[in-house]
Amino acid sequence: MSEPSLLSAPPPTHVVYIPFVILIGIIIGFVIGRKAGIKQGKAEFLGGNDEDV
């Protein structure tokens, strides 16, 4: 048997799992970004942000 080539067609499961992995990454990024935004907003509200001085 010949070894698979880098340029060979990917298996059909890639059609499902690549978009699934991208979607999971978007969801995780949104959640982490939202938590960071909430933390930053609380710091600004409480006066803990000295970056603008």
PDB file of N, CA and C in Angstrom:
ATOM      1  N   MET A   1       0.834  -1.185   0.000  1.00  0.00           N
ATOM      2  CA  MET A   1       0.000   0.000   0.000  1.00  0.00           C
ATOM      3  C   MET A   1       0.879   1.249   0.000  1.00  0.00           C
ATOM      4  N   SER A   2       0.396   2.269  -0.648  1.00  0.00           N
ATOM      5  CA  SER A   2       1.151   3.520  -0.673  1.00  0.00           C
ATOM      6  C   SER A   2       0.756   4.392   0.517  1.00  0.00           C
ATOM      7  N   GLU A   3       1.691   5.200   0.968  1.00  0.00           N
ATOM      8  CA  GLU A   3       1.413   6.090   2.089  1.00  0.00           C
ATOM      9  C   GLU A   3       0.567   7.271   1.620  1.00  0.00           C
ATOM     10  N   PRO A   4      -0.284   7.812   2.486  1.00  0.00           N
ATOM     11  CA  PRO A   4      -1.104   8.953   2.074  1.00  0.00           C
ATOM     12  C   PRO A   4      -0.242  10.194   1.837  1.00  0.00           C
ATOM     13  N   SER A   5      -0.607  10.929   0.849  1.00  0.00           N
ATOM     14  CA  SER A   5       0.118  12.134   0.480  1.00  0.00           C
ATOM     15  C   SER A   5      -0.483  13.355   1.181  1.00  0.00           C
ATOM     16  N   LEU A   6       0.302  14.398   1.332  1.00  0.00           N
ATOM     17  CA  LEU A   6      -0.209  15.636   1.922  1.00  0.00           C
ATOM     18  C   LEU A   6      -1.277  16.287   1.041  1.00  0.00           C
ATOM     19  N   LEU A   7      -1.193  16.026  -0.244  1.00  0.00           N
ATOM     20  CA  LEU A   7      -2.130  16.646  -1.183  1.00  0.00           C
ATOM     21  C   LEU A   7      -3.343  15.782  -1.480  1.00  0.00           C
ATOM     22  N   SER A   8      -3.481  14.668  -0.778  1.00  0.00           N
ATOM     23  CA  SER A   8      -4.645  13.819  -1.019  1.00  0.00           C
ATOM     24  C   SER A   8      -5.886  14.460  -0.401  1.00  0.00           C
ATOM     25  N   ALA A   9      -7.026  14.058  -0.857  1.00  0.00           N
ATOM     26  CA  ALA A   9      -8.284  14.621  -0.361  1.00  0.00           C
ATOM     27  C   ALA A   9      -8.496  14.222   1.097  1.00  0.00           C
ATOM     28  N   PRO A  10      -8.948  15.166   1.932  1.00  0.00           N
ATOM     29  CA  PRO A  10      -9.190  14.826   3.337  1.00  0.00           C
ATOM     30  C   PRO A  10     -10.401  13.916   3.472  1.00  0.00           C
ATOM     31  N   PRO A  11     -10.490  13.184   4.562  1.00  0.00           N
ATOM     32  CA  PRO A  11     -11.656  12.322   4.746  1.00  0.00           C
ATOM     33  C   PRO A  11     -12.932  13.152   4.891  1.00  0.00           C
ATOM     34  N   PRO A  12     -14.070  12.578   4.586  1.00  0.00           N
ATOM     35  CA  PRO A  12     -15.332  13.312   4.647  1.00  0.00           C
ATOM     36  C   PRO A  12     -15.664  13.867   6.042  1.00  0.00           C
ATOM     37  N   THR A  13     -15.089  13.292   7.089  1.00  0.00           N
ATOM     38  CA  THR A  13     -15.383  13.790   8.432  1.00  0.00           C
ATOM     39  C   THR A  13     -14.857  15.204   8.644  1.00  0.00           C
ATOM     40  N   HIS A  14     -13.876  15.636   7.841  1.00  0.00           N
ATOM     41  CA  HIS A  14     -13.352  16.991   7.969  1.00  0.00           C
ATOM     42  C   HIS A  14     -14.440  18.032   7.687  1.00  0.00           C
ATOM     43  N   VAL A  15     -15.365  17.688   6.824  1.00  0.00           N
ATOM     44  CA  VAL A  15     -16.445  18.626   6.488  1.00  0.00           C
ATOM     45  C   VAL A  15     -17.277  18.944   7.719  1.00  0.00           C
ATOM     46  N   VAL A  16     -17.354  18.006   8.647  1.00  0.00           N
ATOM     47  CA  VAL A  16     -18.137  18.211   9.865  1.00  0.00           C
ATOM     48  C   VAL A  16     -17.270  18.749  10.987  1.00  0.00           C
ATOM     49  N   TYR A  17     -16.116  18.150  11.213  1.00  0.00           N
ATOM     50  CA  TYR A  17     -15.413  18.475  12.442  1.00  0.00           C
ATOM     51  C   TYR A  17     -14.597  19.760  12.370  1.00  0.00           C
ATOM     52  N   ILE A  18     -14.148  20.193  11.193  1.00  0.00           N
ATOM     53  CA  ILE A  18     -13.425  21.464  11.110  1.00  0.00           C
ATOM     54  C   ILE A  18     -14.351  22.638  11.447  1.00  0.00           C
ATOM     55  N   PRO A  19     -15.537  22.761  10.852  1.00  0.00           N
ATOM     56  CA  PRO A  19     -16.436  23.848  11.273  1.00  0.00           C
ATOM     57  C   PRO A  19     -16.854  23.732  12.733  1.00  0.00           C
ATOM     58  N   PHE A  20     -16.969  22.505  13.258  1.00  0.00           N
ATOM     59  CA  PHE A  20     -17.327  22.309  14.658  1.00  0.00           C
ATOM     60  C   PHE A  20     -16.235  22.861  15.573  1.00  0.00           C
ATOM     61  N   VAL A  21     -14.976  22.589  15.245  1.00  0.00           N
ATOM     62  CA  VAL A  21     -13.856  23.084  16.046  1.00  0.00           C
ATOM     63  C   VAL A  21     -13.796  24.615  15.971  1.00  0.00           C
ATOM     64  N   ILE A  22     -14.025  25.174  14.799  1.00  0.00           N
ATOM     65  CA  ILE A  22     -14.037  26.631  14.647  1.00  0.00           C
ATOM     66  C   ILE A  22     -15.164  27.236  15.473  1.00  0.00           C
ATOM     67  N   LEU A  23     -16.336  26.630  15.438  1.00  0.00           N
ATOM     68  CA  LEU A  23     -17.473  27.133  16.216  1.00  0.00           C
ATOM     69  C   LEU A  23     -17.187  27.083  17.709  1.00  0.00           C
ATOM     70  N   ILE A  24     -16.597  25.993  18.184  1.00  0.00           N
ATOM     71  CA  ILE A  24     -16.245  25.887  19.601  1.00  0.00           C
ATOM     72  C   ILE A  24     -15.231  26.974  19.970  1.00  0.00           C
ATOM     73  N   GLY A  25     -14.266  27.229  19.106  1.00  0.00           N
ATOM     74  CA  GLY A  25     -13.280  28.285  19.359  1.00  0.00           C
ATOM     75  C   GLY A  25     -13.920  29.663  19.441  1.00  0.00           C
ATOM     76  N   ILE A  26     -14.897  29.935  18.581  1.00  0.00           N
ATOM     77  CA  ILE A  26     -15.599  31.215  18.617  1.00  0.00           C
ATOM     78  C   ILE A  26     -16.362  31.351  19.923  1.00  0.00           C
ATOM     79  N   ILE A  27     -17.038  30.300  20.340  1.00  0.00           N
ATOM     80  CA  ILE A  27     -17.813  30.346  21.585  1.00  0.00           C
ATOM     81  C   ILE A  27     -16.893  30.550  22.785  1.00  0.00           C
ATOM     82  N   ILE A  28     -15.793  29.818  22.849  1.00  0.00           N
ATOM     83  CA  ILE A  28     -14.850  29.968  23.970  1.00  0.00           C
ATOM     84  C   ILE A  28     -14.243  31.369  23.970  1.00  0.00           C
ATOM     85  N   GLY A  29     -13.878  31.867  22.801  1.00  0.00           N
ATOM     86  CA  GLY A  29     -13.328  33.223  22.708  1.00  0.00           C
ATOM     87  C   GLY A  29     -14.325  34.277  23.143  1.00  0.00           C
ATOM     88  N   PHE A  30     -15.584  34.098  22.783  1.00  0.00           N
ATOM     89  CA  PHE A  30     -16.623  35.049  23.193  1.00  0.00           C
ATOM     90  C   PHE A  30     -16.785  35.044  24.707  1.00  0.00           C
ATOM     91  N   VAL A  31     -16.808  33.866  25.305  1.00  0.00           N
ATOM     92  CA  VAL A  31     -16.993  33.766  26.758  1.00  0.00           C
ATOM     93  C   VAL A  31     -15.808  34.377  27.492  1.00  0.00           C
ATOM     94  N   ILE A  32     -14.593  34.045  27.076  1.00  0.00           N
ATOM     95  CA  ILE A  32     -13.402  34.598  27.731  1.00  0.00           C
ATOM     96  C   ILE A  32     -13.337  36.110  27.522  1.00  0.00           C
ATOM     97  N   GLY A  33     -13.632  36.572  26.334  1.00  0.00           N
ATOM     98  CA  GLY A  33     -13.623  38.007  26.060  1.00  0.00           C
ATOM     99  C   GLY A  33     -14.679  38.747  26.852  1.00  0.00           C
ATOM    100  N   ARG A  34     -15.829  38.141  27.026  1.00  0.00           N
ATOM    101  CA  ARG A  34     -16.905  38.771  27.790  1.00  0.00           C
ATOM    102  C   ARG A  34     -16.518  38.891  29.261  1.00  0.00           C
ATOM    103  N   LYS A  35     -15.898  37.827  29.799  1.00  0.00           N
ATOM    104  CA  LYS A  35     -15.452  37.879  31.197  1.00  0.00           C
ATOM    105  C   LYS A  35     -14.393  38.957  31.375  1.00  0.00           C
ATOM    106  N   ALA A  36     -13.470  39.073  30.433  1.00  0.00           N
ATOM    107  CA  ALA A  36     -12.428  40.094  30.518  1.00  0.00           C
ATOM    108  C   ALA A  36     -13.041  41.484  30.418  1.00  0.00           C
ATOM    109  N   GLY A  37     -14.033  41.645  29.564  1.00  0.00           N
ATOM    110  CA  GLY A  37     -14.704  42.934  29.427  1.00  0.00           C
ATOM    111  C   GLY A  37     -15.464  43.318  30.679  1.00  0.00           C
ATOM    112  N   ILE A  38     -16.107  42.359  31.306  1.00  0.00           N
ATOM    113  CA  ILE A  38     -16.827  42.624  32.550  1.00  0.00           C
ATOM    114  C   ILE A  38     -15.840  43.029  33.638  1.00  0.00           C
ATOM    115  N   LYS A  39     -14.715  42.307  33.731  1.00  0.00           N
ATOM    116  CA  LYS A  39     -13.697  42.621  34.743  1.00  0.00           C
ATOM    117  C   LYS A  39     -13.129  44.019  34.501  1.00  0.00           C
ATOM    118  N   GLN A  40     -12.870  44.372  33.248  1.00  0.00           N
ATOM    119  CA  GLN A  40     -12.332  45.691  32.916  1.00  0.00           C
ATOM    120  C   GLN A  40     -13.353  46.772  33.235  1.00  0.00           C
ATOM    121  N   GLY A  41     -14.615  46.522  32.937  1.00  0.00           N
ATOM    122  CA  GLY A  41     -15.667  47.495  33.240  1.00  0.00           C
ATOM    123  C   GLY A  41     -15.805  47.733  34.731  1.00  0.00           C
ATOM    124  N   LYS A  42     -15.711  46.686  35.528  1.00  0.00           N
ATOM    125  CA  LYS A  42     -15.788  46.846  36.985  1.00  0.00           C
ATOM    126  C   LYS A  42     -14.584  47.619  37.495  1.00  0.00           C
ATOM    127  N   ALA A  43     -13.402  47.377  36.941  1.00  0.00           N
ATOM    128  CA  ALA A  43     -12.201  48.091  37.375  1.00  0.00           C
ATOM    129  C   ALA A  43     -12.330  49.584  37.068  1.00  0.00           C
ATOM    130  N   GLU A  44     -12.863  49.918  35.895  1.00  0.00           N
ATOM    131  CA  GLU A  44     -13.040  51.323  35.530  1.00  0.00           C
ATOM    132  C   GLU A  44     -14.090  51.983  36.424  1.00  0.00           C
ATOM    133  N   PHE A  45     -15.157  51.253  36.718  1.00  0.00           N
ATOM    134  CA  PHE A  45     -16.240  51.800  37.535  1.00  0.00           C
ATOM    135  C   PHE A  45     -15.775  52.067  38.963  1.00  0.00           C
ATOM    136  N   LEU A  46     -14.923  51.194  39.490  1.00  0.00           N
ATOM    137  CA  LEU A  46     -14.452  51.329  40.860  1.00  0.00           C
ATOM    138  C   LEU A  46     -13.208  52.220  40.970  1.00  0.00           C
ATOM    139  N   GLY A  47     -12.709  52.708  39.850  1.00  0.00           N
ATOM    140  CA  GLY A  47     -11.530  53.576  39.861  1.00  0.00           C
ATOM    141  C   GLY A  47     -10.230  52.832  39.945  1.00  0.00           C
ATOM    142  N   GLY A  48     -10.227  51.557  39.657  1.00  0.00           N
ATOM    143  CA  GLY A  48      -9.006  50.773  39.735  1.00  0.00           C
ATOM    144  C   GLY A  48      -8.188  50.821  38.467  1.00  0.00           C
ATOM    145  N   ASN A  49      -8.639  51.562  37.470  1.00  0.00           N
ATOM    146  CA  ASN A  49      -7.923  51.617  36.193  1.00  0.00           C
ATOM    147  C   ASN A  49      -7.164  52.934  36.120  1.00  0.00           C
ATOM    148  N   ASP A  50      -5.832  52.878  36.196  1.00  0.00           N
ATOM    149  CA  ASP A  50      -5.013  54.084  36.164  1.00  0.00           C
ATOM    150  C   ASP A  50      -4.322  54.270  34.811  1.00  0.00           C
ATOM    151  N   GLU A  51      -4.790  53.609  33.778  1.00  0.00           N
ATOM    152  CA  GLU A  51      -4.142  53.689  32.467  1.00  0.00           C
ATOM    153  C   GLU A  51      -4.353  55.033  31.808  1.00  0.00           C
ATOM    154  N   ASP A  52      -5.425  55.746  32.095  1.00  0.00           N
ATOM    155  CA  ASP A  52      -5.753  56.998  31.421  1.00  0.00           C
ATOM    156  C   ASP A  52      -5.089  58.202  32.070  1.00  0.00           C
ATOM    157  N   VAL A  53      -4.373  58.000  33.162  1.00  0.00           N
ATOM    158  CA  VAL A  53      -3.812  59.134  33.906  1.00  0.00           C
ATOM    159  C   VAL A  53      -2.608  59.690  33.216  1.00  0.00           C
TER     160      VAL A  53
END
